[in-house]
């Protein structure tokens, strides 16, 4: 399972703009299986813990304010080479330079409001998934 899962967050602005359906469709059309999914509201404490690796960086406070500004949808996705394939599908963190057709190009506004988060490694995918989901919440089919 380790190399076959990744984690994503559909961020508050994407939900506010009603992009959840198109984003999930794009994910499944690219052969990812959604094996865990739920809506969540980050508390400031949860956000600081989840994004703790970025604490002290100039964008940290803005990131925390943004991710706590509304609901998010968190999901665990399964596919061979999940992390790498999902990062290709979502595109560059900056939607202005993301490749055409990527999720961030289609639905992102700027570097901070880039529609989705995607894990950057197999190890982080598992850590991030377990932040939100217990083992009982994974649906394997």
N, C-alpha and C. Protein backbone atom coordinates (compact mmCIF):
# COMPACT_ATOMS: atom_id res chain seq x y z
N UNK A 1 0.83 -1.21 0.00
CA UNK A 1 0.00 0.00 0.00
C UNK A 1 0.86 1.26 0.00
N UNK A 2 2.06 1.20 0.58
CA UNK A 2 2.88 2.38 0.81
C UNK A 2 3.10 3.22 -0.46
N UNK A 3 3.45 2.60 -1.56
CA UNK A 3 3.73 3.35 -2.79
C UNK A 3 2.48 3.59 -3.63
N UNK A 4 1.35 3.13 -3.13
CA UNK A 4 0.14 3.21 -3.94
C UNK A 4 -0.90 4.18 -3.40
N UNK A 5 -0.58 4.97 -2.39
CA UNK A 5 -1.54 5.94 -1.87
C UNK A 5 -0.93 7.32 -1.81
N UNK A 6 -1.81 8.29 -1.92
CA UNK A 6 -1.44 9.68 -1.69
C UNK A 6 -2.59 10.34 -0.96
N UNK A 7 -2.35 11.54 -0.50
CA UNK A 7 -3.32 12.27 0.29
C UNK A 7 -3.56 13.62 -0.37
N UNK A 8 -4.80 14.08 -0.33
CA UNK A 8 -5.12 15.39 -0.88
C UNK A 8 -6.08 16.14 0.03
N UNK A 9 -6.02 17.45 -0.08
CA UNK A 9 -6.98 18.35 0.55
C UNK A 9 -7.54 19.24 -0.55
N UNK A 10 -8.85 19.26 -0.69
CA UNK A 10 -9.49 20.27 -1.54
C UNK A 10 -9.73 21.45 -0.62
N UNK A 11 -9.12 22.57 -0.95
CA UNK A 11 -9.02 23.71 -0.04
C UNK A 11 -10.29 24.58 -0.04
N UNK A 12 -10.39 25.47 0.97
CA UNK A 12 -11.63 26.24 1.17
C UNK A 12 -12.14 27.01 -0.04
N UNK A 13 -11.27 27.69 -0.76
CA UNK A 13 -11.77 28.48 -1.89
C UNK A 13 -12.33 27.59 -2.99
N UNK A 14 -11.71 26.43 -3.21
CA UNK A 14 -12.22 25.50 -4.22
C UNK A 14 -13.62 25.03 -3.84
N UNK A 15 -13.86 24.81 -2.55
CA UNK A 15 -15.21 24.42 -2.12
C UNK A 15 -16.17 25.59 -2.29
N UNK A 16 -15.75 26.77 -1.89
CA UNK A 16 -16.61 27.95 -2.01
C UNK A 16 -16.99 28.22 -3.46
N UNK A 17 -16.07 27.96 -4.38
CA UNK A 17 -16.31 28.19 -5.81
C UNK A 17 -17.05 27.02 -6.46
N UNK A 18 -17.42 26.02 -5.65
CA UNK A 18 -18.16 24.84 -6.13
C UNK A 18 -17.35 23.99 -7.11
N UNK A 19 -16.05 23.85 -6.84
CA UNK A 19 -15.17 23.06 -7.70
C UNK A 19 -14.96 21.63 -7.20
N UNK A 20 -15.57 21.25 -6.08
CA UNK A 20 -15.34 19.92 -5.55
C UNK A 20 -15.70 18.83 -6.56
N UNK A 21 -16.88 18.91 -7.16
CA UNK A 21 -17.30 17.90 -8.14
C UNK A 21 -16.33 17.77 -9.30
N UNK A 22 -16.00 18.88 -9.97
CA UNK A 22 -15.04 18.77 -11.08
C UNK A 22 -13.67 18.25 -10.65
N UNK A 23 -13.22 18.63 -9.45
CA UNK A 23 -11.92 18.15 -8.99
C UNK A 23 -11.97 16.64 -8.74
N UNK A 24 -13.00 16.16 -8.06
CA UNK A 24 -13.12 14.72 -7.82
C UNK A 24 -13.28 13.95 -9.13
N UNK A 25 -14.01 14.53 -10.07
CA UNK A 25 -14.16 13.89 -11.38
C UNK A 25 -12.81 13.77 -12.07
N UNK A 26 -12.01 14.83 -12.05
CA UNK A 26 -10.69 14.80 -12.68
C UNK A 26 -9.81 13.74 -12.02
N UNK A 27 -9.91 13.64 -10.70
CA UNK A 27 -9.13 12.63 -9.98
C UNK A 27 -9.53 11.22 -10.42
N UNK A 28 -10.82 10.94 -10.44
CA UNK A 28 -11.25 9.58 -10.80
C UNK A 28 -11.05 9.30 -12.30
N UNK A 29 -11.18 10.30 -13.13
CA UNK A 29 -10.92 10.10 -14.57
C UNK A 29 -9.46 9.76 -14.84
N UNK A 30 -8.59 10.09 -13.89
CA UNK A 30 -7.17 9.76 -14.02
C UNK A 30 -6.81 8.49 -13.25
N UNK A 31 -7.82 7.65 -13.05
CA UNK A 31 -7.66 6.29 -12.53
C UNK A 31 -7.23 6.20 -11.07
N UNK A 32 -7.49 7.24 -10.30
CA UNK A 32 -7.29 7.15 -8.86
C UNK A 32 -8.57 6.60 -8.24
N UNK A 33 -8.42 5.73 -7.25
CA UNK A 33 -9.55 5.26 -6.47
C UNK A 33 -9.58 6.08 -5.18
N UNK A 34 -10.72 6.57 -4.82
CA UNK A 34 -10.87 7.29 -3.56
C UNK A 34 -11.16 6.24 -2.49
N UNK A 35 -10.21 6.06 -1.55
CA UNK A 35 -10.38 5.02 -0.53
C UNK A 35 -10.73 5.59 0.84
N UNK A 36 -10.72 6.90 0.98
CA UNK A 36 -11.18 7.57 2.20
C UNK A 36 -11.51 9.01 1.82
N UNK A 37 -12.62 9.53 2.38
CA UNK A 37 -13.07 10.87 2.01
C UNK A 37 -13.94 11.44 3.12
N UNK A 38 -13.70 12.72 3.47
CA UNK A 38 -14.60 13.40 4.41
C UNK A 38 -14.38 14.91 4.37
N UNK A 39 -15.41 15.62 4.80
CA UNK A 39 -15.33 17.06 4.95
C UNK A 39 -14.81 17.35 6.35
N UNK A 40 -14.02 18.42 6.46
CA UNK A 40 -13.37 18.73 7.74
C UNK A 40 -13.22 20.24 7.87
N UNK A 41 -13.32 20.72 9.09
CA UNK A 41 -12.97 22.10 9.42
C UNK A 41 -11.69 22.06 10.24
N UNK A 42 -10.62 22.67 9.77
CA UNK A 42 -9.39 22.77 10.54
C UNK A 42 -9.56 23.77 11.68
N UNK A 43 -9.19 23.40 12.88
CA UNK A 43 -9.00 24.38 13.94
C UNK A 43 -7.61 24.99 13.71
N UNK A 44 -7.34 26.12 14.32
CA UNK A 44 -6.00 26.73 14.19
C UNK A 44 -4.93 25.75 14.69
N UNK A 45 -5.22 25.07 15.79
CA UNK A 45 -4.25 24.13 16.36
C UNK A 45 -3.98 22.97 15.40
N UNK A 46 -5.03 22.41 14.80
CA UNK A 46 -4.85 21.33 13.83
C UNK A 46 -4.05 21.80 12.62
N UNK A 47 -4.38 22.98 12.13
CA UNK A 47 -3.68 23.52 10.96
C UNK A 47 -2.21 23.73 11.26
N UNK A 48 -1.92 24.29 12.44
CA UNK A 48 -0.52 24.52 12.81
C UNK A 48 0.23 23.19 12.94
N UNK A 49 -0.44 22.18 13.45
CA UNK A 49 0.18 20.86 13.56
C UNK A 49 0.40 20.24 12.18
N UNK A 50 -0.63 20.26 11.35
CA UNK A 50 -0.53 19.65 10.02
C UNK A 50 0.54 20.32 9.17
N UNK A 51 0.59 21.65 9.19
CA UNK A 51 1.55 22.40 8.38
C UNK A 51 2.78 22.82 9.18
N UNK A 52 3.04 22.14 10.30
CA UNK A 52 4.15 22.49 11.18
C UNK A 52 5.50 22.57 10.51
N UNK A 53 5.71 21.79 9.47
CA UNK A 53 6.97 21.81 8.74
C UNK A 53 7.28 23.20 8.15
N UNK A 54 6.23 23.99 7.95
CA UNK A 54 6.40 25.31 7.35
C UNK A 54 6.46 26.44 8.38
N UNK A 55 6.35 26.10 9.66
CA UNK A 55 6.36 27.13 10.70
C UNK A 55 7.66 27.94 10.61
N UNK A 56 7.51 29.25 10.73
CA UNK A 56 8.66 30.16 10.64
C UNK A 56 8.90 30.69 9.24
N UNK A 57 8.26 30.10 8.24
CA UNK A 57 8.40 30.60 6.88
C UNK A 57 7.46 31.78 6.68
N UNK A 58 7.79 32.69 5.77
CA UNK A 58 7.00 33.91 5.61
C UNK A 58 5.53 33.69 5.25
N UNK A 59 5.22 32.59 4.61
CA UNK A 59 3.84 32.32 4.18
C UNK A 59 3.01 31.57 5.21
N UNK A 60 3.62 31.15 6.31
CA UNK A 60 2.95 30.27 7.27
C UNK A 60 1.65 30.85 7.82
N UNK A 61 1.69 32.07 8.32
CA UNK A 61 0.49 32.66 8.92
C UNK A 61 -0.65 32.79 7.90
N UNK A 62 -0.32 33.19 6.69
CA UNK A 62 -1.34 33.29 5.64
C UNK A 62 -1.91 31.94 5.29
N UNK A 63 -1.07 30.92 5.27
CA UNK A 63 -1.53 29.56 4.99
C UNK A 63 -2.51 29.09 6.06
N UNK A 64 -2.17 29.34 7.30
CA UNK A 64 -3.04 28.92 8.41
C UNK A 64 -4.37 29.67 8.34
N UNK A 65 -4.31 30.98 8.09
CA UNK A 65 -5.55 31.76 7.96
C UNK A 65 -6.42 31.22 6.83
N UNK A 66 -5.79 30.90 5.70
CA UNK A 66 -6.54 30.42 4.55
C UNK A 66 -7.16 29.04 4.80
N UNK A 67 -6.37 28.10 5.31
CA UNK A 67 -6.86 26.73 5.44
C UNK A 67 -7.94 26.62 6.52
N UNK A 68 -7.99 27.60 7.43
CA UNK A 68 -9.02 27.61 8.48
C UNK A 68 -10.20 28.52 8.13
N UNK A 69 -10.22 29.05 6.92
CA UNK A 69 -11.25 30.01 6.53
C UNK A 69 -12.57 29.37 6.12
N UNK A 70 -12.61 28.06 6.01
CA UNK A 70 -13.82 27.36 5.62
C UNK A 70 -13.57 25.87 5.61
N UNK A 71 -14.57 25.10 5.22
CA UNK A 71 -14.38 23.65 5.20
C UNK A 71 -13.41 23.23 4.10
N UNK A 72 -12.84 22.05 4.30
CA UNK A 72 -12.01 21.40 3.30
C UNK A 72 -12.56 19.99 3.11
N UNK A 73 -12.15 19.35 2.04
CA UNK A 73 -12.43 17.93 1.87
C UNK A 73 -11.07 17.23 1.80
N UNK A 74 -10.91 16.22 2.65
CA UNK A 74 -9.68 15.45 2.69
C UNK A 74 -9.95 14.07 2.11
N UNK A 75 -8.95 13.54 1.42
CA UNK A 75 -9.14 12.24 0.78
C UNK A 75 -7.82 11.49 0.66
N UNK A 76 -7.94 10.18 0.70
CA UNK A 76 -6.82 9.30 0.42
C UNK A 76 -7.11 8.65 -0.92
N UNK A 77 -6.13 8.70 -1.79
CA UNK A 77 -6.27 8.21 -3.16
C UNK A 77 -5.33 7.04 -3.39
N UNK A 78 -5.80 6.07 -4.15
CA UNK A 78 -5.00 4.88 -4.42
C UNK A 78 -4.77 4.72 -5.91
N UNK A 79 -3.54 4.42 -6.25
CA UNK A 79 -3.15 4.16 -7.64
C UNK A 79 -1.67 3.79 -7.60
N UNK A 80 -1.21 2.97 -8.50
CA UNK A 80 0.22 2.72 -8.58
C UNK A 80 0.93 4.04 -8.87
N UNK A 81 2.05 4.29 -8.19
CA UNK A 81 2.78 5.56 -8.32
C UNK A 81 1.91 6.75 -7.94
N UNK A 82 1.11 6.58 -6.91
CA UNK A 82 0.09 7.59 -6.55
C UNK A 82 0.67 8.98 -6.31
N UNK A 83 1.72 9.09 -5.52
CA UNK A 83 2.25 10.42 -5.18
C UNK A 83 2.73 11.14 -6.44
N UNK A 84 3.56 10.48 -7.19
CA UNK A 84 4.11 11.11 -8.40
C UNK A 84 3.02 11.44 -9.42
N UNK A 85 2.12 10.51 -9.66
CA UNK A 85 1.06 10.74 -10.64
C UNK A 85 0.11 11.86 -10.18
N UNK A 86 -0.17 11.91 -8.88
CA UNK A 86 -1.07 12.97 -8.41
C UNK A 86 -0.40 14.33 -8.48
N UNK A 87 0.88 14.40 -8.17
CA UNK A 87 1.58 15.69 -8.27
C UNK A 87 1.61 16.17 -9.72
N UNK A 88 1.70 15.26 -10.66
CA UNK A 88 1.63 15.64 -12.07
C UNK A 88 0.23 16.14 -12.40
N UNK A 89 -0.79 15.47 -11.89
CA UNK A 89 -2.17 15.85 -12.16
C UNK A 89 -2.52 17.21 -11.57
N UNK A 90 -2.00 17.53 -10.39
CA UNK A 90 -2.36 18.81 -9.77
C UNK A 90 -1.53 19.97 -10.30
N UNK A 91 -0.32 19.72 -10.76
CA UNK A 91 0.50 20.77 -11.34
C UNK A 91 1.25 21.60 -10.29
N UNK A 92 1.92 22.61 -10.77
CA UNK A 92 2.75 23.49 -9.95
C UNK A 92 1.92 24.17 -8.86
N UNK A 93 2.57 24.42 -7.73
CA UNK A 93 1.93 25.14 -6.63
C UNK A 93 1.38 26.49 -7.10
N UNK A 94 2.07 27.12 -8.01
CA UNK A 94 1.64 28.40 -8.57
C UNK A 94 0.78 28.14 -9.81
N UNK A 95 -0.52 28.36 -9.71
CA UNK A 95 -1.40 28.11 -10.86
C UNK A 95 -1.00 28.88 -12.12
N UNK A 96 -0.37 30.02 -11.95
CA UNK A 96 0.02 30.83 -13.11
C UNK A 96 1.04 30.12 -13.99
N UNK A 97 1.83 29.23 -13.41
CA UNK A 97 2.85 28.52 -14.20
C UNK A 97 2.55 27.02 -14.30
N UNK A 98 1.43 26.57 -13.74
CA UNK A 98 1.05 25.16 -13.82
C UNK A 98 0.72 24.78 -15.26
N UNK A 99 0.96 23.55 -15.59
CA UNK A 99 0.67 23.07 -16.94
C UNK A 99 -0.84 23.12 -17.22
N UNK A 100 -1.17 23.39 -18.47
CA UNK A 100 -2.58 23.40 -18.88
C UNK A 100 -3.23 22.06 -18.56
N UNK A 101 -4.47 22.14 -18.09
CA UNK A 101 -5.24 20.94 -17.78
C UNK A 101 -5.02 20.40 -16.39
N UNK A 102 -4.04 20.92 -15.64
CA UNK A 102 -3.83 20.45 -14.28
C UNK A 102 -4.88 21.07 -13.36
N UNK A 103 -5.10 20.42 -12.22
CA UNK A 103 -6.12 20.88 -11.28
C UNK A 103 -5.82 22.30 -10.81
N UNK A 104 -4.58 22.58 -10.47
CA UNK A 104 -4.25 23.92 -9.98
C UNK A 104 -4.38 24.98 -11.07
N UNK A 105 -4.07 24.63 -12.30
CA UNK A 105 -4.25 25.58 -13.40
C UNK A 105 -5.73 25.87 -13.61
N UNK A 106 -6.55 24.83 -13.57
CA UNK A 106 -7.98 24.98 -13.83
C UNK A 106 -8.73 25.66 -12.69
N UNK A 107 -8.35 25.36 -11.43
CA UNK A 107 -9.18 25.77 -10.30
C UNK A 107 -8.46 26.61 -9.25
N UNK A 108 -7.18 26.86 -9.42
CA UNK A 108 -6.42 27.65 -8.46
C UNK A 108 -6.45 29.13 -8.79
N UNK A 109 -6.19 29.94 -7.77
CA UNK A 109 -6.16 31.39 -7.92
C UNK A 109 -4.72 31.90 -7.87
N UNK A 110 -3.98 31.48 -6.85
CA UNK A 110 -2.59 31.90 -6.68
C UNK A 110 -1.85 30.83 -5.88
N UNK A 111 -0.61 31.12 -5.50
CA UNK A 111 0.20 30.11 -4.81
C UNK A 111 -0.48 29.61 -3.55
N UNK A 112 -1.06 30.50 -2.78
CA UNK A 112 -1.71 30.10 -1.53
C UNK A 112 -3.07 29.46 -1.77
N UNK A 113 -3.84 30.03 -2.66
CA UNK A 113 -5.19 29.54 -2.96
C UNK A 113 -5.14 28.67 -4.21
N UNK A 114 -4.37 27.58 -4.10
CA UNK A 114 -4.09 26.77 -5.28
C UNK A 114 -4.99 25.54 -5.42
N UNK A 115 -6.14 25.58 -4.82
CA UNK A 115 -7.22 24.59 -4.96
C UNK A 115 -7.01 23.30 -4.17
N UNK A 116 -5.82 22.70 -4.25
CA UNK A 116 -5.60 21.41 -3.60
C UNK A 116 -4.20 21.30 -3.01
N UNK A 117 -4.11 20.47 -2.01
CA UNK A 117 -2.83 20.03 -1.46
C UNK A 117 -2.60 18.61 -1.95
N UNK A 118 -1.37 18.27 -2.22
CA UNK A 118 -1.01 16.89 -2.53
C UNK A 118 0.27 16.51 -1.82
N UNK A 119 0.32 15.31 -1.29
CA UNK A 119 1.51 14.84 -0.58
C UNK A 119 2.74 14.89 -1.48
N UNK A 120 3.90 15.15 -0.85
CA UNK A 120 5.13 15.27 -1.62
C UNK A 120 6.02 14.03 -1.57
N UNK A 121 5.61 13.02 -0.79
CA UNK A 121 6.39 11.77 -0.72
C UNK A 121 5.48 10.65 -0.23
N UNK A 122 5.92 9.43 -0.43
CA UNK A 122 5.16 8.27 0.05
C UNK A 122 5.05 8.31 1.58
N UNK A 123 6.14 8.67 2.24
CA UNK A 123 6.13 8.73 3.70
C UNK A 123 5.14 9.77 4.19
N UNK A 124 5.18 10.97 3.61
CA UNK A 124 4.26 12.03 4.03
C UNK A 124 2.82 11.70 3.69
N UNK A 125 2.59 10.99 2.61
CA UNK A 125 1.22 10.60 2.26
C UNK A 125 0.59 9.78 3.39
N UNK A 126 1.34 8.84 3.93
CA UNK A 126 0.82 8.01 5.01
C UNK A 126 0.64 8.82 6.30
N UNK A 127 1.60 9.67 6.61
CA UNK A 127 1.50 10.53 7.80
C UNK A 127 0.27 11.42 7.70
N UNK A 128 0.12 12.06 6.55
CA UNK A 128 -1.01 12.98 6.35
C UNK A 128 -2.34 12.25 6.37
N UNK A 129 -2.41 11.09 5.75
CA UNK A 129 -3.65 10.31 5.75
C UNK A 129 -4.04 9.92 7.16
N UNK A 130 -3.07 9.50 7.96
CA UNK A 130 -3.36 9.07 9.33
C UNK A 130 -3.67 10.25 10.25
N UNK A 131 -3.34 11.46 9.83
CA UNK A 131 -3.72 12.66 10.59
C UNK A 131 -5.24 12.79 10.63
N UNK A 132 -5.90 12.38 9.54
CA UNK A 132 -7.35 12.56 9.39
C UNK A 132 -8.17 11.28 9.51
N UNK A 133 -7.58 10.14 9.19
CA UNK A 133 -8.34 8.91 9.07
C UNK A 133 -7.75 7.81 9.95
N UNK A 134 -8.63 7.05 10.60
CA UNK A 134 -8.20 5.84 11.30
C UNK A 134 -8.16 4.71 10.28
N UNK A 135 -7.52 3.62 10.66
CA UNK A 135 -7.45 2.46 9.76
C UNK A 135 -8.84 1.95 9.38
N UNK A 136 -9.81 2.12 10.25
CA UNK A 136 -11.18 1.66 9.98
C UNK A 136 -11.89 2.47 8.90
N UNK A 137 -11.37 3.64 8.58
CA UNK A 137 -12.02 4.52 7.62
C UNK A 137 -11.53 4.36 6.19
N UNK A 138 -10.57 3.47 5.97
CA UNK A 138 -10.09 3.23 4.62
C UNK A 138 -10.96 2.18 3.95
N UNK A 139 -11.44 2.48 2.77
CA UNK A 139 -12.28 1.55 2.03
C UNK A 139 -11.44 0.92 0.94
N UNK A 140 -11.17 -0.35 1.07
CA UNK A 140 -10.41 -1.06 0.04
C UNK A 140 -11.35 -1.97 -0.73
N UNK A 141 -11.33 -1.82 -2.02
CA UNK A 141 -12.19 -2.64 -2.87
C UNK A 141 -11.42 -3.19 -4.02
